[in-house]
C-alpha atoms as a PDB file:
ATOM      1  CA  MET A   1     -17.592 -29.387  17.969  1.00  0.00           C
ATOM      2  CA  GLY A   2     -20.545 -30.606  17.820  1.00  0.00           C
ATOM      3  CA  VAL A   3     -20.685 -32.665  20.696  1.00  0.00           C
ATOM      4  CA  VAL A   4     -19.284 -30.255  22.449  1.00  0.00           C
ATOM      5  CA  MET A   5     -22.285 -27.746  21.443  1.00  0.00           C
ATOM      6  CA  ARG A   6     -24.923 -30.919  22.606  1.00  0.00           C
ATOM      7  CA  GLU A   7     -23.444 -30.999  25.528  1.00  0.00           C
ATOM      8  CA  ILE A   8     -23.500 -27.599  26.309  1.00  0.00           C
ATOM      9  CA  PHE A   9     -26.972 -27.373  25.270  1.00  0.00           C
ATOM     10  CA  LEU A  10     -27.674 -30.093  27.383  1.00  0.00           C
ATOM     11  CA  LEU A  11     -26.573 -28.682  30.402  1.00  0.00           C
ATOM     12  CA  THR A  12     -28.654 -25.399  29.894  1.00  0.00           C
ATOM     13  CA  VAL A  13     -31.428 -27.460  29.842  1.00  0.00           C
ATOM     14  CA  ILE A  14     -31.138 -29.263  32.832  1.00  0.00           C
ATOM     15  CA  PHE A  15     -30.137 -25.682  34.538  1.00  0.00           C
ATOM     16  CA  LEU A  16     -33.422 -23.734  33.221  1.00  0.00           C
ATOM     17  CA  VAL A  17     -35.669 -26.798  34.249  1.00  0.00           C
ATOM     18  CA  GLY A  18     -34.013 -26.939  37.849  1.00  0.00           C
ATOM     19  CA  ARG A  19     -34.678 -23.224  38.383  1.00  0.00           C
ATOM     20  CA  ALA A  20     -38.341 -23.440  36.799  1.00  0.00           C
ATOM     21  CA  LEU A  21     -39.295 -26.453  39.498  1.00  0.00           C
ATOM     22  CA  CYS A  22     -37.554 -24.150  42.007  1.00  0.00           C
ATOM     23  CA  GLY A  23     -39.848 -21.515  41.084  1.00  0.00           C
ATOM     24  CA  VAL A  24     -42.924 -23.156  40.794  1.00  0.00           C
ATOM     25  CA  ASP A  25     -44.968 -20.424  42.833  1.00  0.00           C
ATOM     26  CA  ARG A  26     -42.017 -19.073  43.942  1.00  0.00           C
ATOM     27  CA  GLY A  27     -38.299 -18.385  43.422  1.00  0.00           C
ATOM     28  CA  PHE A  28     -35.070 -17.382  44.353  1.00  0.00           C
ATOM     29  CA  GLU A  29     -33.911 -13.852  43.751  1.00  0.00           C
ATOM     30  CA  GLN A  30     -33.786 -11.773  46.805  1.00  0.00           C
ATOM     31  CA  THR A  31     -34.188  -7.887  47.932  1.00  0.00           C
ATOM     32  CA  GLU A  32     -33.797  -5.203  50.422  1.00  0.00           C
ATOM     33  CA  ASP A  33     -31.065  -6.124  52.158  1.00  0.00           C
ATOM     34  CA  VAL A  34     -30.330  -4.977  55.720  1.00  0.00           C
ATOM     35  CA  GLU A  35     -27.953  -5.781  58.500  1.00  0.00           C
ATOM     36  CA  GLU A  36     -27.175  -8.647  60.100  1.00  0.00           C
ATOM     37  CA  PHE A  37     -27.262  -9.975  63.777  1.00  0.00           C
ATOM     38  CA  GLN A  38     -25.065 -12.785  65.073  1.00  0.00           C
ATOM     39  CA  ILE A  39     -26.637 -16.082  65.985  1.00  0.00           C
ATOM     40  CA  PRO A  40     -25.578 -17.479  69.334  1.00  0.00           C
ATOM     41  CA  ASP A  41     -22.771 -19.581  68.571  1.00  0.00           C
ATOM     42  CA  ASP A  42     -23.917 -22.801  71.012  1.00  0.00           C
ATOM     43  CA  ASP A  43     -27.564 -22.910  68.861  1.00  0.00           C
ATOM     44  CA  SER A  44     -26.694 -24.681  66.158  1.00  0.00           C
ATOM     45  CA  ASN A  45     -29.411 -24.664  63.143  1.00  0.00           C
ATOM     46  CA  THR A  46     -32.321 -27.199  63.619  1.00  0.00           C
ATOM     47  CA  SER A  47     -34.105 -28.798  61.186  1.00  0.00           C
ATOM     48  CA  ASP A  48     -36.209 -31.057  62.955  1.00  0.00           C
ATOM     49  CA  GLY A  49     -39.852 -32.579  61.844  1.00  0.00           C
ATOM     50  CA  GLU A  50     -40.421 -34.860  59.195  1.00  0.00           C
ATOM     51  CA  ASP A  51     -43.450 -32.695  57.633  1.00  0.00           C
ATOM     52  CA  GLY A  52     -41.282 -29.416  58.462  1.00  0.00           C
ATOM     53  CA  PHE A  53     -43.452 -28.696  61.175  1.00  0.00           C
ATOM     54  CA  ILE A  54     -42.318 -28.840  65.293  1.00  0.00           C
ATOM     55  CA  GLU A  55     -45.357 -29.216  67.685  1.00  0.00           C
ATOM     56  CA  GLU A  56     -45.061 -27.208  71.234  1.00  0.00           C
ATOM     57  CA  SER A  57     -45.210 -30.548  72.585  1.00  0.00           C
ATOM     58  CA  GLU A  58     -41.986 -31.702  70.665  1.00  0.00           C
ATOM     59  CA  ALA A  59     -40.142 -28.585  71.599  1.00  0.00           C
ATOM     60  CA  GLY A  60     -40.074 -29.340  75.524  1.00  0.00           C
ATOM     61  CA  ASP A  61     -42.519 -26.246  76.515  1.00  0.00           C
ATOM     62  CA  SER A  62     -44.718 -25.729  79.558  1.00  0.00           C
ATOM     63  CA  SER A  63     -48.215 -25.372  78.769  1.00  0.00           C
ATOM     64  CA  GLU A  64     -51.910 -25.089  79.470  1.00  0.00           C
ATOM     65  CA  SER A  65     -54.447 -26.544  76.489  1.00  0.00           C
ATOM     66  CA  SER A  66     -56.874 -24.078  77.517  1.00  0.00           C
ATOM     67  CA  ARG A  67     -57.388 -21.168  79.666  1.00  0.00           C
ATOM     68  CA  LEU A  68     -59.956 -18.268  79.611  1.00  0.00           C
ATOM     69  CA  TRP A  69     -58.857 -15.481  77.216  1.00  0.00           C
ATOM     70  CA  ASN A  70     -60.736 -12.018  77.000  1.00  0.00           C
ATOM     71  CA  LYS A  71     -59.204 -10.814  73.355  1.00  0.00           C
ATOM     72  CA  ILE A  72     -57.483 -11.754  70.243  1.00  0.00           C
ATOM     73  CA  LEU A  73     -54.496  -9.520  69.018  1.00  0.00           C
ATOM     74  CA  THR A  74     -53.763  -9.648  65.347  1.00  0.00           C
ATOM     75  CA  VAL A  75     -52.157  -7.903  62.469  1.00  0.00           C
ATOM     76  CA  LYS A  76     -53.064  -7.197  58.904  1.00  0.00           C
ATOM     77  CA  ASN A  77     -49.975  -7.748  57.097  1.00  0.00           C
ATOM     78  CA  GLY A  78     -49.153 -11.755  58.058  1.00  0.00           C
ATOM     79  CA  GLY A  79     -48.085 -13.248  54.942  1.00  0.00           C
ATOM     80  CA  PRO A  80     -50.541 -15.550  53.121  1.00  0.00           C
ATOM     81  CA  TRP A  81     -49.254 -18.812  53.194  1.00  0.00           C
ATOM     82  CA  GLY A  82     -49.646 -21.933  55.829  1.00  0.00           C
ATOM     83  CA  THR A  83     -52.268 -23.589  58.532  1.00  0.00           C
ATOM     84  CA  TRP A  84     -52.624 -22.649  61.667  1.00  0.00           C
ATOM     85  CA  GLY A  85     -50.849 -24.552  64.774  1.00  0.00           C
ATOM     86  CA  LYS A  86     -52.583 -25.356  68.110  1.00  0.00           C
ATOM     87  CA  ILE A  87     -52.964 -22.317  70.793  1.00  0.00           C
ATOM     88  CA  GLU A  88     -50.870 -22.460  73.380  1.00  0.00           C
ATOM     89  CA  PHE A  89     -50.563 -20.639  77.049  1.00  0.00           C
ATOM     90  CA  CYS A  90     -48.650 -19.367  79.591  1.00  0.00           C
ATOM     91  CA  PRO A  91     -49.075 -22.015  82.597  1.00  0.00           C
ATOM     92  CA  GLY A  92     -51.214 -21.080  85.547  1.00  0.00           C
ATOM     93  CA  ASP A  93     -51.999 -17.539  85.767  1.00  0.00           C
ATOM     94  CA  SER A  94     -48.444 -16.617  84.860  1.00  0.00           C
ATOM     95  CA  TYR A  95     -48.109 -14.012  81.241  1.00  0.00           C
ATOM     96  CA  ALA A  96     -46.013 -12.945  79.013  1.00  0.00           C
ATOM     97  CA  VAL A  97     -42.650 -10.676  80.624  1.00  0.00           C
ATOM     98  CA  GLY A  98     -40.477 -11.227  77.289  1.00  0.00           C
ATOM     99  CA  TYR A  99     -40.074 -13.594  73.982  1.00  0.00           C
ATOM    100  CA  ASP A 100     -37.789 -15.014  71.893  1.00  0.00           C
ATOM    101  CA  MET A 101     -37.457 -15.825  68.379  1.00  0.00           C
ATOM    102  CA  LYS A 102     -36.074 -18.648  66.160  1.00  0.00           C
ATOM    103  CA  ILE A 103     -34.689 -16.979  62.465  1.00  0.00           C
ATOM    104  CA  GLU A 104     -32.769 -18.814  59.954  1.00  0.00           C
ATOM    105  CA  PRO A 105     -29.482 -17.043  59.288  1.00  0.00           C
ATOM    106  CA  LYS A 106     -29.206 -15.335  55.755  1.00  0.00           C
ATOM    107  CA  VAL A 107     -28.527 -18.446  53.018  1.00  0.00           C
ATOM    108  CA  ARG A 108     -27.727 -18.395  49.600  1.00  0.00           C
ATOM    109  CA  PHE A 109     -30.843 -20.038  48.592  1.00  0.00           C
ATOM    110  CA  ASP A 110     -34.659 -20.450  49.706  1.00  0.00           C
ATOM    111  CA  ASN A 111     -34.546 -18.432  52.925  1.00  0.00           C
ATOM    112  CA  THR A 112     -37.122 -18.546  55.362  1.00  0.00           C
ATOM    113  CA  ALA A 113     -36.030 -15.834  58.138  1.00  0.00           C
ATOM    114  CA  LEU A 114     -38.256 -16.226  60.971  1.00  0.00           C
ATOM    115  CA  ASN A 115     -39.344 -19.998  61.902  1.00  0.00           C
ATOM    116  CA  ALA A 116     -41.216 -19.150  65.222  1.00  0.00           C
ATOM    117  CA  ILE A 117     -41.381 -16.934  68.391  1.00  0.00           C
ATOM    118  CA  LYS A 118     -41.422 -18.460  71.767  1.00  0.00           C
ATOM    119  CA  LEU A 119     -43.211 -16.354  74.917  1.00  0.00           C
ATOM    120  CA  ILE A 120     -41.023 -16.133  78.168  1.00  0.00           C
ATOM    121  CA  CYS A 121     -44.076 -16.640  81.111  1.00  0.00           C
ATOM    122  CA  ALA A 122     -43.593 -15.088  85.047  1.00  0.00           C
ATOM    123  CA  ASN A 123     -46.318 -15.330  87.842  1.00  0.00           C
ATOM    124  CA  GLU A 124     -47.648 -11.839  89.584  1.00  0.00           C
ATOM    125  CA  ARG A 125     -44.077 -11.734  91.448  1.00  0.00           C
ATOM    126  CA  GLY A 126     -42.093 -11.611  88.531  1.00  0.00           C
ATOM    127  CA  LYS A 127     -41.148 -15.292  88.944  1.00  0.00           C
ATOM    128  CA  TYR A 128     -40.275 -17.053  85.640  1.00  0.00           C
ATOM    129  CA  ILE A 129     -42.673 -20.220  85.364  1.00  0.00           C
ATOM    130  CA  GLY A 130     -41.866 -20.968  81.425  1.00  0.00           C
ATOM    131  CA  GLU A 131     -41.951 -20.829  78.261  1.00  0.00           C
ATOM    132  CA  VAL A 132     -44.432 -21.695  75.337  1.00  0.00           C
ATOM    133  CA  THR A 133     -44.477 -21.725  71.328  1.00  0.00           C
ATOM    134  CA  SER A 134     -47.243 -22.328  68.898  1.00  0.00           C
ATOM    135  CA  THR A 135     -45.988 -24.386  65.890  1.00  0.00           C
ATOM    136  CA  GLN A 136     -42.555 -23.704  64.300  1.00  0.00           C
ATOM    137  CA  GLY A 137     -41.213 -23.904  61.031  1.00  0.00           C
ATOM    138  CA  LYS A 138     -37.961 -26.413  60.909  1.00  0.00           C
ATOM    139  CA  TRP A 139     -34.930 -23.997  60.335  1.00  0.00           C
ATOM    140  CA  GLY A 140     -32.686 -21.579  62.071  1.00  0.00           C
ATOM    141  CA  SER A 141     -31.802 -21.235  65.885  1.00  0.00           C
ATOM    142  CA  TRP A 142     -33.302 -19.167  69.054  1.00  0.00           C
ATOM    143  CA  VAL A 143     -31.533 -16.040  68.824  1.00  0.00           C
ATOM    144  CA  GLY A 144     -31.749 -15.351  72.916  1.00  0.00           C
ATOM    145  CA  GLN A 145     -34.838 -13.809  74.790  1.00  0.00           C
ATOM    146  CA  ILE A 146     -35.449 -10.433  75.811  1.00  0.00           C
ATOM    147  CA  ASN A 147     -37.824  -9.428  78.565  1.00  0.00           C
ATOM    148  CA  CYS A 148     -39.708  -6.569  79.588  1.00  0.00           C
ATOM    149  CA  THR A 149     -38.142  -4.403  82.868  1.00  0.00           C
ATOM    150  CA  GLY A 150     -40.010  -4.111  86.258  1.00  0.00           C
ATOM    151  CA  HIS A 151     -43.051  -5.447  86.664  1.00  0.00           C
ATOM    152  CA  ARG A 152     -44.267  -5.094  83.171  1.00  0.00           C
ATOM    153  CA  HIS A 153     -45.904  -7.647  80.837  1.00  0.00           C
ATOM    154  CA  LEU A 154     -46.215  -7.683  77.147  1.00  0.00           C
ATOM    155  CA  ASP A 155     -49.258  -6.112  75.830  1.00  0.00           C
ATOM    156  CA  ALA A 156     -49.403  -5.592  71.752  1.00  0.00           C
ATOM    157  CA  PHE A 157     -47.634  -6.499  68.780  1.00  0.00           C
ATOM    158  CA  ASP A 158     -46.054  -5.739  65.771  1.00  0.00           C
ATOM    159  CA  LEU A 159     -44.814  -7.627  62.514  1.00  0.00           C
ATOM    160  CA  GLN A 160     -42.303  -7.229  60.018  1.00  0.00           C
ATOM    161  CA  VAL A 161     -43.487  -9.219  57.086  1.00  0.00           C
ATOM    162  CA  GLU A 162     -42.098  -9.365  53.232  1.00  0.00           C
ATOM    163  CA  LYS A 163     -45.131  -9.660  50.751  1.00  0.00           C
ATOM    164  CA  PRO A 164     -45.120 -12.193  47.942  1.00  0.00           C
ATOM    165  CA  GLN A 165     -42.312 -11.194  45.782  1.00  0.00           C
ATOM    166  CA  GLY A 166     -43.961 -13.354  42.728  1.00  0.00           C
ATOM    167  CA  LYS A 167     -42.370 -15.891  40.429  1.00  0.00           C
ATOM    168  CA  TRP A 168     -38.451 -16.663  40.320  1.00  0.00           C
ATOM    169  CA  LYS A 169     -38.107 -14.701  43.663  1.00  0.00           C
ATOM    170  CA  ASP A 170     -37.775 -15.808  46.917  1.00  0.00           C
ATOM    171  CA  ASP A 171     -40.387 -15.227  49.495  1.00  0.00           C
ATOM    172  CA  THR A 172     -39.785 -15.306  53.224  1.00  0.00           C
ATOM    173  CA  ALA A 173     -42.752 -13.895  54.605  1.00  0.00           C
ATOM    174  CA  ALA A 174     -42.524 -13.382  58.480  1.00  0.00           C
ATOM    175  CA  ASN A 175     -39.067 -11.649  59.407  1.00  0.00           C
ATOM    176  CA  TYR A 176     -39.172 -10.290  62.741  1.00  0.00           C
ATOM    177  CA  VAL A 177     -41.528  -9.612  66.027  1.00  0.00           C
ATOM    178  CA  LYS A 178     -41.704  -6.761  68.500  1.00  0.00           C
ATOM    179  CA  PHE A 179     -43.784  -6.023  71.396  1.00  0.00           C
ATOM    180  CA  LYS A 180     -45.145  -3.497  73.690  1.00  0.00           C
ATOM    181  CA  CYS A 181     -44.267  -3.646  77.675  1.00  0.00           C
ATOM    182  CA  ARG A 182     -47.045  -2.196  79.981  1.00  0.00           C
ATOM    183  CA  CYS A 183     -47.534  -2.102  83.693  1.00  0.00           C
ATOM    184  CA  HIS A 184     -50.798  -1.333  85.369  1.00  0.00           C
ATOM    185  CA  CYS A 185     -49.731   2.302  85.798  1.00  0.00           C
ATOM    186  CA  GLY A 186     -50.622   2.649  81.815  1.00  0.00           C
ATOM    187  CA  HIS A 187     -46.987   3.611  80.960  1.00  0.00           C
ATOM    188  CA  ALA A 188     -45.660   1.389  77.915  1.00  0.00           C
ATOM    189  CA  TYR A 189     -42.727   1.483  76.340  1.00  0.00           C
ATOM    190  CA  GLU A 190     -41.125  -0.834  72.421  1.00  0.00           C
ATOM    191  CA  LEU A 191     -39.325  -3.936  73.289  1.00  0.00           C
ATOM    192  CA  VAL A 192     -37.316  -5.540  70.595  1.00  0.00           C
ATOM    193  CA  LYS A 193     -34.418  -7.771  70.114  1.00  0.00           C
ATOM    194  CA  PRO A 194     -31.410  -5.988  68.245  1.00  0.00           C
ATOM    195  CA  PRO A 195     -30.717  -4.915  65.959  1.00  0.00           C
ATOM    196  CA  GLY A 196     -34.405  -3.959  66.064  1.00  0.00           C
ATOM    197  CA  HIS A 197     -35.320  -5.600  62.248  1.00  0.00           C
ATOM    198  CA  GLY A 198     -35.139  -8.892  60.120  1.00  0.00           C
ATOM    199  CA  PHE A 199     -33.576  -8.969  56.846  1.00  0.00           C
ATOM    200  CA  TRP A 200     -36.348  -8.589  54.269  1.00  0.00           C
ATOM    201  CA  GLY A 201     -40.136  -6.803  55.126  1.00  0.00           C
ATOM    202  CA  LYS A 202     -41.660  -3.764  56.002  1.00  0.00           C
ATOM    203  CA  TRP A 203     -43.367  -3.184  59.342  1.00  0.00           C
ATOM    204  CA  GLY A 204     -47.070  -3.364  59.282  1.00  0.00           C
ATOM    205  CA  ALA A 205     -49.432  -1.620  61.816  1.00  0.00           C
ATOM    206  CA  TRP A 206     -49.406  -2.203  65.850  1.00  0.00           C
ATOM    207  CA  SER A 207     -51.940  -4.354  67.094  1.00  0.00           C
ATOM    208  CA  ASP A 208     -54.775  -3.366  69.307  1.00  0.00           C
ATOM    209  CA  THR A 209     -53.610  -3.622  73.376  1.00  0.00           C
ATOM    210  CA  CYS A 210     -55.084  -6.261  75.621  1.00  0.00           C
ATOM    211  CA  PRO A 211     -57.993  -4.958  77.508  1.00  0.00           C
ATOM    212  CA  LYS A 212     -56.960  -3.066  80.812  1.00  0.00           C
ATOM    213  CA  GLY A 213     -55.714  -5.358  83.434  1.00  0.00           C
ATOM    214  CA  SER A 214     -55.021  -8.129  81.265  1.00  0.00           C
ATOM    215  CA  GLY A 215     -51.781  -8.914  78.835  1.00  0.00           C
ATOM    216  CA  ILE A 216     -50.547 -12.004  76.759  1.00  0.00           C
ATOM    217  CA  CYS A 217     -50.734 -14.951  77.547  1.00  0.00           C
ATOM    218  CA  GLY A 218     -51.141 -17.287  74.554  1.00  0.00           C
ATOM    219  CA  ILE A 219     -49.607 -17.749  71.123  1.00  0.00           C
ATOM    220  CA  GLN A 220     -50.603 -19.451  68.020  1.00  0.00           C
ATOM    221  CA  THR A 221     -48.540 -19.296  64.791  1.00  0.00           C
ATOM    222  CA  LYS A 222     -49.292 -19.923  61.642  1.00  0.00           C
ATOM    223  CA  VAL A 223     -46.697 -21.940  59.425  1.00  0.00           C
ATOM    224  CA  GLU A 224     -46.392 -23.448  55.808  1.00  0.00           C
ATOM    225  CA  LYS A 225     -44.832 -26.587  56.209  1.00  0.00           C
ATOM    226  CA  TYR A 226     -41.843 -27.973  54.262  1.00  0.00           C
ATOM    227  CA  ARG A 227     -42.571 -28.225  50.675  1.00  0.00           C
ATOM    228  CA  GLY A 228     -40.145 -30.803  49.501  1.00  0.00           C
ATOM    229  CA  LYS A 229     -36.701 -30.238  47.729  1.00  0.00           C
ATOM    230  CA  LEU A 230     -36.772 -27.829  44.924  1.00  0.00           C
ATOM    231  CA  ARG A 231     -39.375 -25.841  46.353  1.00  0.00           C
ATOM    232  CA  ASP A 232     -39.715 -22.064  47.746  1.00  0.00           C
ATOM    233  CA  ASP A 233     -40.369 -22.331  51.865  1.00  0.00           C
ATOM    234  CA  THR A 234     -41.327 -19.544  54.102  1.00  0.00           C
ATOM    235  CA  ALA A 235     -42.427 -21.235  57.448  1.00  0.00           C
ATOM    236  CA  LEU A 236     -43.848 -18.736  59.691  1.00  0.00           C
ATOM    237  CA  ASN A 237     -46.209 -16.376  57.907  1.00  0.00           C
ATOM    238  CA  ASP A 238     -48.646 -15.013  60.521  1.00  0.00           C
ATOM    239  CA  VAL A 239     -49.478 -15.374  64.106  1.00  0.00           C
ATOM    240  CA  LYS A 240     -52.394 -14.145  67.150  1.00  0.00           C
ATOM    241  CA  PHE A 241     -51.782 -13.564  70.169  1.00  0.00           C
ATOM    242  CA  TYR A 242     -54.045 -14.389  73.066  1.00  0.00           C
ATOM    243  CA  CYS A 243     -54.847 -11.623  75.962  1.00  0.00           C
ATOM    244  CA  CYS A 244     -55.938 -12.918  79.790  1.00  0.00           C
ATOM    245  CA  GLU A 245     -56.617 -11.163  82.692  1.00  0.00           C
ATOM    246  CA  LEU A 246     -53.820 -10.584  84.914  1.00  0.00           C
ATOM    247  CA  PRO A 247     -53.943 -12.125  88.892  1.00  0.00           C
ATOM    248  CA  SER A 248     -56.256 -10.093  91.023  1.00  0.00           C
ATOM    249  CA  ASN A 249     -53.461  -9.835  93.570  1.00  0.00           C
ATOM    250  CA  SER A 250     -51.392  -8.270  90.981  1.00  0.00           C
ATOM    251  CA  ASP A 251     -51.734  -4.851  92.391  1.00  0.00           C
ATOM    252  CA  SER A 252     -48.000  -5.228  92.925  1.00  0.00           C
ATOM    253  CA  LEU A 253     -46.800  -5.032  89.886  1.00  0.00           C
ATOM    254  CA  SER A 254     -47.667  -0.882  89.312  1.00  0.00           C
ATOM    255  CA  ASP A 255     -44.604   1.034  89.035  1.00  0.00           C
END
C-alpha cells in the first residue's frame, strides 16, 4: 500500500509541476464562450515558421515595401504581447476593398484565436490586384474573404480583444476584426465576416477614419512568436492600418 501511495504522490507532483510550467505568465482556463463558426474544409491548419512567425514574403502575397501614406489607424485595446512586424502595402495605387482572417479553431488547451489579417486590394476600376499581410501567427486557417459592395473601400476598423486573464488562465489577445466600407459620397456601413465575433474578448472603440479621399492601403501586425512547449501563446495582439490617397481619377467610384 505504501508503494502505491508513493506512486500516486509522485504522479500528482509531476502533474502540478507541468501545470505550473504551462502557467508561467499565463495558463489554460478559458472563459466567455461564444458561438463557433466553420473553418473551410479545404483549408487545413498550418504550423509554419520555426520561430512562430510567417513573414509576408513567405505567405506569397504581393506587396510594395514602401508607399506614401497620410494617416495611421490604431485602436486602444490591443493586446500587450508580441513585436511589430513589417509594414506591407497594396501594390501600386490599389487600396483595400475587403479582408480575410486566419483563425485557430477552438482547441482544448492554449487557444490563440486570431493569427493574421489579410487585405484584399483593388484598383480604381474595382479590379482585383492582390492581397497583403504583415507578420502572421503560426496557427489556424484562413476563414474566407469578405468584400465591400459597389465601389467602396475600407476606411476604419475595430478589434475584438481578450484582456489579460492572469496566472493559470489561457490568454488569446486579438480574436476578430471588422471594418467600415465607405464610398466617395461619404456613405459608410459595417463590414464583418459572419458570425460577427470571435470566441473570447470584447470589441473596443472604432479607430479614426482615413482622411477624405483616402482609404486603407497598408497593414502592420503585432504578433507574439511561439513561446515553446508548455507555454501560453497568443499570436496576433494588435494591428495598425495605413491610409493612402485614392487615385485622382477615382471619382468614378462614387455611388
